Amino acid sequence: MSKKCVIITASGFQDEEVVYPYYRLMEEGHSVEVATKGGAVVYGKYGVPARATMATTELKSSNFDCVVLPGGFEAPDRVRLLLEVQEFVREMDQQKKLVAAICHGPWIMISAGICKGRKMTAFWSIEADMRNSGADYQHKVPVVIDNNFITSPHYNNNGDFMKAVIEYLK
């Protein structure tokens, strides 16, 4: 059954962490939106464009089954400042819908205040942030699944990350 997914990002994203999940979700028959501030086209660290299909102000948890939060430290640092994204991610978690984040993407989950007591991983440089948020940080693992959370530390783990996301959506 086709699920509705959204990737939320900003300029400076890690190219592999937007492109790979986007196409893997589409290959599985899911619909994929890309949300950015103001619905702007944003560019990854290596110049790959992410063409938004919607603005972050249009996000409604009732419209989605899954949110993917890519890394590349610049993008999630920008995205986590958007109050509408914090609220959307919080609602997705409250409704037990999939919240999947890779690399620095969990920063957005921290800003949404949803990490306490949850097993999670992320890029090693934000381990202290994860622990300070109350997350049970898992070090040196390719993917961590805790109920409706799927987290992964690096785009080298894209395969494991997206296998877990695809399996969850079944």
C-alpha atoms as a PDB file:
ATOM      1  CA  MET A   1       0.000   0.000   0.000  1.00  0.00           C
ATOM      2  CA  SER A   2       1.341   3.376  -1.002  1.00  0.00           C
ATOM      3  CA  LYS A   3       2.324   5.689   1.854  1.00  0.00           C
ATOM      4  CA  LYS A   4       2.665   9.471   1.879  1.00  0.00           C
ATOM      5  CA  CYS A   5       6.172  10.616   2.763  1.00  0.00           C
ATOM      6  CA  VAL A   6       7.860  13.984   3.137  1.00  0.00           C
ATOM      7  CA  ILE A   7      11.536  14.892   3.171  1.00  0.00           C
ATOM      8  CA  ILE A   8      12.206  18.171   4.979  1.00  0.00           C
ATOM      9  CA  THR A   9      15.448  19.954   4.157  1.00  0.00           C
ATOM     10  CA  ALA A  10      17.265  23.257   3.596  1.00  0.00           C
ATOM     11  CA  SER A  11      20.354  24.522   1.825  1.00  0.00           C
ATOM     12  CA  GLY A  12      23.572  22.696   2.631  1.00  0.00           C
ATOM     13  CA  PHE A  13      21.977  19.245   2.894  1.00  0.00           C
ATOM     14  CA  GLN A  14      24.057  16.104   2.464  1.00  0.00           C
ATOM     15  CA  ASP A  15      23.229  15.280  -1.158  1.00  0.00           C
ATOM     16  CA  GLU A  16      23.212  11.490  -0.687  1.00  0.00           C
ATOM     17  CA  GLU A  17      20.804  11.747   2.249  1.00  0.00           C
ATOM     18  CA  VAL A  18      18.104  13.465   0.183  1.00  0.00           C
ATOM     19  CA  VAL A  19      18.567  11.855  -3.231  1.00  0.00           C
ATOM     20  CA  TYR A  20      18.809   8.212  -2.128  1.00  0.00           C
ATOM     21  CA  PRO A  21      15.773   8.211   0.226  1.00  0.00           C
ATOM     22  CA  TYR A  22      13.746  10.177  -2.352  1.00  0.00           C
ATOM     23  CA  TYR A  23      14.253   7.629  -5.104  1.00  0.00           C
ATOM     24  CA  ARG A  24      14.064   4.544  -2.855  1.00  0.00           C
ATOM     25  CA  LEU A  25      10.674   5.653  -1.521  1.00  0.00           C
ATOM     26  CA  MET A  26       9.439   6.338  -5.049  1.00  0.00           C
ATOM     27  CA  GLU A  27      10.729   2.932  -6.249  1.00  0.00           C
ATOM     28  CA  GLU A  28       8.564   1.310  -3.590  1.00  0.00           C
ATOM     29  CA  GLY A  29       5.507   3.156  -4.903  1.00  0.00           C
ATOM     30  CA  HIS A  30       5.233   5.749  -2.129  1.00  0.00           C
ATOM     31  CA  SER A  31       4.437   9.387  -2.820  1.00  0.00           C
ATOM     32  CA  VAL A  32       7.228  11.754  -1.805  1.00  0.00           C
ATOM     33  CA  GLU A  33       6.976  15.474  -1.119  1.00  0.00           C
ATOM     34  CA  VAL A  34       9.960  17.732  -0.482  1.00  0.00           C
ATOM     35  CA  ALA A  35       9.327  20.544   2.003  1.00  0.00           C
ATOM     36  CA  THR A  36      11.568  23.590   2.385  1.00  0.00           C
ATOM     37  CA  LYS A  37      11.175  27.029   3.942  1.00  0.00           C
ATOM     38  CA  GLY A  38       9.040  29.059   1.565  1.00  0.00           C
ATOM     39  CA  GLY A  39       8.960  26.152  -0.898  1.00  0.00           C
ATOM     40  CA  ALA A  40      12.318  27.301  -2.265  1.00  0.00           C
ATOM     41  CA  VAL A  41      14.692  25.194  -4.345  1.00  0.00           C
ATOM     42  CA  VAL A  42      17.674  24.432  -2.102  1.00  0.00           C
ATOM     43  CA  TYR A  43      21.081  23.015  -2.933  1.00  0.00           C
ATOM     44  CA  GLY A  44      23.121  20.286  -1.315  1.00  0.00           C
ATOM     45  CA  LYS A  45      26.757  20.499  -0.271  1.00  0.00           C
ATOM     46  CA  TYR A  46      27.808  19.271  -3.730  1.00  0.00           C
ATOM     47  CA  GLY A  47      25.311  21.350  -5.703  1.00  0.00           C
ATOM     48  CA  VAL A  48      22.470  18.866  -6.170  1.00  0.00           C
ATOM     49  CA  PRO A  49      19.144  20.747  -6.191  1.00  0.00           C
ATOM     50  CA  ALA A  50      16.197  19.693  -4.051  1.00  0.00           C
ATOM     51  CA  ARG A  51      13.125  21.058  -5.807  1.00  0.00           C
ATOM     52  CA  ALA A  52      10.490  21.660  -3.162  1.00  0.00           C
ATOM     53  CA  THR A  53       6.944  20.521  -3.781  1.00  0.00           C
ATOM     54  CA  MET A  54       5.658  22.400  -0.739  1.00  0.00           C
ATOM     55  CA  ALA A  55       6.557  24.959   1.909  1.00  0.00           C
ATOM     56  CA  THR A  56       7.195  23.872   5.499  1.00  0.00           C
ATOM     57  CA  THR A  57       4.237  26.060   6.575  1.00  0.00           C
ATOM     58  CA  GLU A  58       1.955  23.669   4.638  1.00  0.00           C
ATOM     59  CA  LEU A  59       3.005  20.584   6.641  1.00  0.00           C
ATOM     60  CA  LYS A  60       0.112  18.741   8.299  1.00  0.00           C
ATOM     61  CA  SER A  61       0.699  15.461  10.105  1.00  0.00           C
ATOM     62  CA  SER A  62      -2.707  14.191   8.948  1.00  0.00           C
ATOM     63  CA  ASN A  63      -1.365  14.252   5.354  1.00  0.00           C
ATOM     64  CA  PHE A  64       1.677  12.015   5.937  1.00  0.00           C
ATOM     65  CA  ASP A  65       2.698   8.547   7.109  1.00  0.00           C
ATOM     66  CA  CYS A  66       6.446   9.229   7.222  1.00  0.00           C
ATOM     67  CA  VAL A  67       8.901  12.102   7.566  1.00  0.00           C
ATOM     68  CA  VAL A  68      12.564  11.807   6.554  1.00  0.00           C
ATOM     69  CA  LEU A  69      15.029  14.249   8.109  1.00  0.00           C
ATOM     70  CA  PRO A  70      18.344  14.253   6.195  1.00  0.00           C
ATOM     71  CA  GLY A  71      21.620  15.576   7.492  1.00  0.00           C
ATOM     72  CA  GLY A  72      24.549  17.582   6.274  1.00  0.00           C
ATOM     73  CA  PHE A  73      24.948  19.728   9.390  1.00  0.00           C
ATOM     74  CA  GLU A  74      23.895  23.023   7.733  1.00  0.00           C
ATOM     75  CA  ALA A  75      20.438  21.911   6.574  1.00  0.00           C
ATOM     76  CA  PRO A  76      19.133  20.387   9.822  1.00  0.00           C
ATOM     77  CA  ASP A  77      20.571  23.310  11.778  1.00  0.00           C
ATOM     78  CA  ARG A  78      18.413  25.609   9.619  1.00  0.00           C
ATOM     79  CA  VAL A  79      15.343  23.337   9.625  1.00  0.00           C
ATOM     80  CA  ARG A  80      15.272  22.842  13.403  1.00  0.00           C
ATOM     81  CA  LEU A  81      14.730  26.581  13.888  1.00  0.00           C
ATOM     82  CA  LEU A  82      11.386  26.435  12.043  1.00  0.00           C
ATOM     83  CA  LEU A  83       8.605  26.243  14.620  1.00  0.00           C
ATOM     84  CA  GLU A  84       6.187  24.698  12.105  1.00  0.00           C
ATOM     85  CA  VAL A  85       8.651  21.851  11.514  1.00  0.00           C
ATOM     86  CA  GLN A  86       9.124  21.281  15.248  1.00  0.00           C
ATOM     87  CA  GLU A  87       5.342  21.089  15.679  1.00  0.00           C
ATOM     88  CA  PHE A  88       4.923  18.791  12.652  1.00  0.00           C
ATOM     89  CA  VAL A  89       7.629  16.375  13.875  1.00  0.00           C
ATOM     90  CA  ARG A  90       6.145  16.397  17.382  1.00  0.00           C
ATOM     91  CA  GLU A  91       2.683  15.574  15.974  1.00  0.00           C
ATOM     92  CA  MET A  92       4.087  12.807  13.763  1.00  0.00           C
ATOM     93  CA  ASP A  93       5.616  11.228  16.864  1.00  0.00           C
ATOM     94  CA  GLN A  94       2.451  11.695  18.945  1.00  0.00           C
ATOM     95  CA  GLN A  95       0.485   9.919  16.198  1.00  0.00           C
ATOM     96  CA  LYS A  96       3.098   7.118  16.127  1.00  0.00           C
ATOM     97  CA  LYS A  97       3.943   7.837  12.496  1.00  0.00           C
ATOM     98  CA  LEU A  98       7.426   7.135  11.180  1.00  0.00           C
ATOM     99  CA  VAL A  99      10.099   9.723  12.000  1.00  0.00           C
ATOM    100  CA  ALA A 100      13.308   8.743  10.185  1.00  0.00           C
ATOM    101  CA  ALA A 101      16.508  10.791  10.530  1.00  0.00           C
ATOM    102  CA  ILE A 102      20.085  10.348   9.380  1.00  0.00           C
ATOM    103  CA  CYS A 103      23.395  12.031  10.240  1.00  0.00           C
ATOM    104  CA  HIS A 104      22.592  15.455  11.797  1.00  0.00           C
ATOM    105  CA  GLY A 105      18.852  15.034  11.073  1.00  0.00           C
ATOM    106  CA  PRO A 106      18.143  14.024  14.701  1.00  0.00           C
ATOM    107  CA  TRP A 107      18.928  17.642  15.677  1.00  0.00           C
ATOM    108  CA  ILE A 108      15.427  18.424  14.391  1.00  0.00           C
ATOM    109  CA  MET A 109      13.989  15.731  16.669  1.00  0.00           C
ATOM    110  CA  ILE A 110      15.924  17.233  19.594  1.00  0.00           C
ATOM    111  CA  SER A 111      14.463  20.685  18.870  1.00  0.00           C
ATOM    112  CA  ALA A 112      10.995  19.097  18.677  1.00  0.00           C
ATOM    113  CA  GLY A 113      11.582  17.709  22.189  1.00  0.00           C
ATOM    114  CA  ILE A 114      10.794  14.068  21.357  1.00  0.00           C
ATOM    115  CA  CYS A 115      14.045  12.202  22.123  1.00  0.00           C
ATOM    116  CA  LYS A 116      13.888  11.573  25.862  1.00  0.00           C
ATOM    117  CA  GLY A 117      14.163   7.874  26.685  1.00  0.00           C
ATOM    118  CA  ARG A 118      14.377   6.801  23.040  1.00  0.00           C
ATOM    119  CA  LYS A 119      17.129   4.611  21.566  1.00  0.00           C
ATOM    120  CA  MET A 120      18.717   6.632  18.766  1.00  0.00           C
ATOM    121  CA  THR A 121      21.891   7.194  16.802  1.00  0.00           C
ATOM    122  CA  ALA A 122      23.287  10.103  14.796  1.00  0.00           C
ATOM    123  CA  PHE A 123      26.546  11.442  13.425  1.00  0.00           C
ATOM    124  CA  TRP A 124      29.175  11.081  16.157  1.00  0.00           C
ATOM    125  CA  SER A 125      29.741  14.843  16.500  1.00  0.00           C
ATOM    126  CA  ILE A 126      26.246  15.336  17.956  1.00  0.00           C
ATOM    127  CA  GLU A 127      26.464  12.480  20.467  1.00  0.00           C
ATOM    128  CA  ALA A 128      26.561  14.987  23.373  1.00  0.00           C
ATOM    129  CA  ASP A 129      23.472  16.756  21.998  1.00  0.00           C
ATOM    130  CA  MET A 130      21.674  13.418  21.733  1.00  0.00           C
ATOM    131  CA  ARG A 131      22.587  12.409  25.277  1.00  0.00           C
ATOM    132  CA  ASN A 132      21.681  15.866  26.632  1.00  0.00           C
ATOM    133  CA  SER A 133      18.242  15.554  25.005  1.00  0.00           C
ATOM    134  CA  GLY A 134      17.661  12.397  27.049  1.00  0.00           C
ATOM    135  CA  ALA A 135      18.108   9.984  24.147  1.00  0.00           C
ATOM    136  CA  ASP A 136      19.705   6.597  24.771  1.00  0.00           C
ATOM    137  CA  TYR A 137      22.484   7.174  22.241  1.00  0.00           C
ATOM    138  CA  GLN A 138      23.707   4.063  20.413  1.00  0.00           C
ATOM    139  CA  HIS A 139      27.311   4.415  19.235  1.00  0.00           C
ATOM    140  CA  LYS A 140      28.803   2.829  16.086  1.00  0.00           C
ATOM    141  CA  VAL A 141      25.702   1.083  14.779  1.00  0.00           C
ATOM    142  CA  PRO A 142      24.356   1.456  11.209  1.00  0.00           C
ATOM    143  CA  VAL A 143      20.704   1.916  12.141  1.00  0.00           C
ATOM    144  CA  VAL A 144      18.575   2.086  15.301  1.00  0.00           C
ATOM    145  CA  ILE A 145      14.856   1.317  15.332  1.00  0.00           C
ATOM    146  CA  ASP A 146      12.841   2.357  18.390  1.00  0.00           C
ATOM    147  CA  ASN A 147       9.113   2.006  17.730  1.00  0.00           C
ATOM    148  CA  ASN A 148       8.309   4.771  15.184  1.00  0.00           C
ATOM    149  CA  PHE A 149      11.875   6.212  15.171  1.00  0.00           C
ATOM    150  CA  ILE A 150      14.514   5.075  12.686  1.00  0.00           C
ATOM    151  CA  THR A 151      17.901   6.772  12.957  1.00  0.00           C
ATOM    152  CA  SER A 152      21.222   6.262  11.247  1.00  0.00           C
ATOM    153  CA  PRO A 153      24.627   7.968  11.644  1.00  0.00           C
ATOM    154  CA  HIS A 154      25.960   8.528   8.119  1.00  0.00           C
ATOM    155  CA  TYR A 155      25.153   8.297   4.420  1.00  0.00           C
ATOM    156  CA  ASN A 156      27.474   5.278   4.267  1.00  0.00           C
ATOM    157  CA  ASN A 157      24.580   3.604   6.114  1.00  0.00           C
ATOM    158  CA  ASN A 158      21.950   4.669   3.537  1.00  0.00           C
ATOM    159  CA  GLY A 159      21.332   1.041   2.549  1.00  0.00           C
ATOM    160  CA  ASP A 160      20.558  -0.130   6.099  1.00  0.00           C
ATOM    161  CA  PHE A 161      18.650   3.078   6.838  1.00  0.00           C
ATOM    162  CA  MET A 162      16.348   2.827   3.841  1.00  0.00           C
ATOM    163  CA  LYS A 163      15.854  -0.955   4.208  1.00  0.00           C
ATOM    164  CA  ALA A 164      14.528  -0.247   7.717  1.00  0.00           C
ATOM    165  CA  VAL A 165      12.325   2.627   6.485  1.00  0.00           C
ATOM    166  CA  ILE A 166      10.884   0.552   3.598  1.00  0.00           C
ATOM    167  CA  GLU A 167      10.252  -2.426   5.904  1.00  0.00           C
ATOM    168  CA  TYR A 168       8.525  -0.191   8.480  1.00  0.00           C
ATOM    169  CA  LEU A 169       6.236   1.284   5.829  1.00  0.00           C
ATOM    170  CA  LYS A 170       5.037  -2.208   4.820  1.00  0.00           C
END
